[in-house]
Amino acid sequence: MDEVVRFVRLGDHAFVRPDLLGLPARRGPEARGGDQAVAQLQAAVRDGDAALSNRLILDHYLGGADLATVFDEVLAPAMHAIGEEWECGETEVFQERRACEIFGSAIHDLKRLLPPPALDAPIALGGAPEGDHYHLASQMVDLVLTEAGWRSQLLGGALPFATLSVAAQRHQPPLFWLSMSHVGDPETFWSRYRGFVEGLPDSTRLLVGGRAFDAESGAFSERVTYCEDLRTLARKAALPASNAAESGAKAG
């Protein structure tokens, strides 16, 4: 199905029977992108309308936007808006939790549209470190790297730095990434983080991001690259054009 999706995205063609591929009906180009799309998605997830939420996100992707742009411009702003509503008491806890489930399901649906990476594609490992139970940001990073041609492996959330170090040493990935949405005790966290960075294999570079990342504490090494958003991460993690093309050809 990935070749069909690629054809539609490149030419902005329309599916006549998207249901035959297990896809929702598209809403058309007027529904893609911008503040309107964010507001529509925010309202849909608040109301628990998973089908409409999936259509809005899928429209943006099938319209030709890469996943980093879809996440940065549509999904993440809507997700943050729902979180702010919950913090202000404008949305119930169950609505915020349900929204997270809807977003997670939409991300899963996007993943199945991507071609699998080549078996010999470079590996990227990552997840959320200790104390950080937020999983949506990590899932988005995982998909952005997969789309870029990496064999991305999402390790999970709330992972102690000790086990992250074991993963890095065992797999020796060219790329490791951390999504930081929450930091507990700062002194303990950043001390363990520094130990993790210093113990990375010489061939491994680290990409970090998230609203809890502190540049003063976290960007102490030249091996650490901070990514302010997913589009930045996509640029920093871009594979050479020849490698990416070869990966796509082998996956197909």
Foldseek 3Di string as FASTA:
>chain_A
DLVVLVVCQVVVDADPCCVVVVAAHAPDPVCEFDPNVQVQLLVCLLVLNLRVNLNSLVNNVSPNDALQCSCVTHVVVSLVVLVVCVVVVNGPPVSNVSSLVSLVVSLVVVQVNAQAWFPPAFEEEEEAEAPDQDHNVLSSLQSLLRNLRHNYDYPHYNHYLVVVLVVQVVRVGLEYEYEYADDDPVVVVLVSLVVSVVSGPPNHAYEYEYPPDDCVSRVPDPSYDYDDGSVSVSVVSHDPPVSSVVRVVNSD
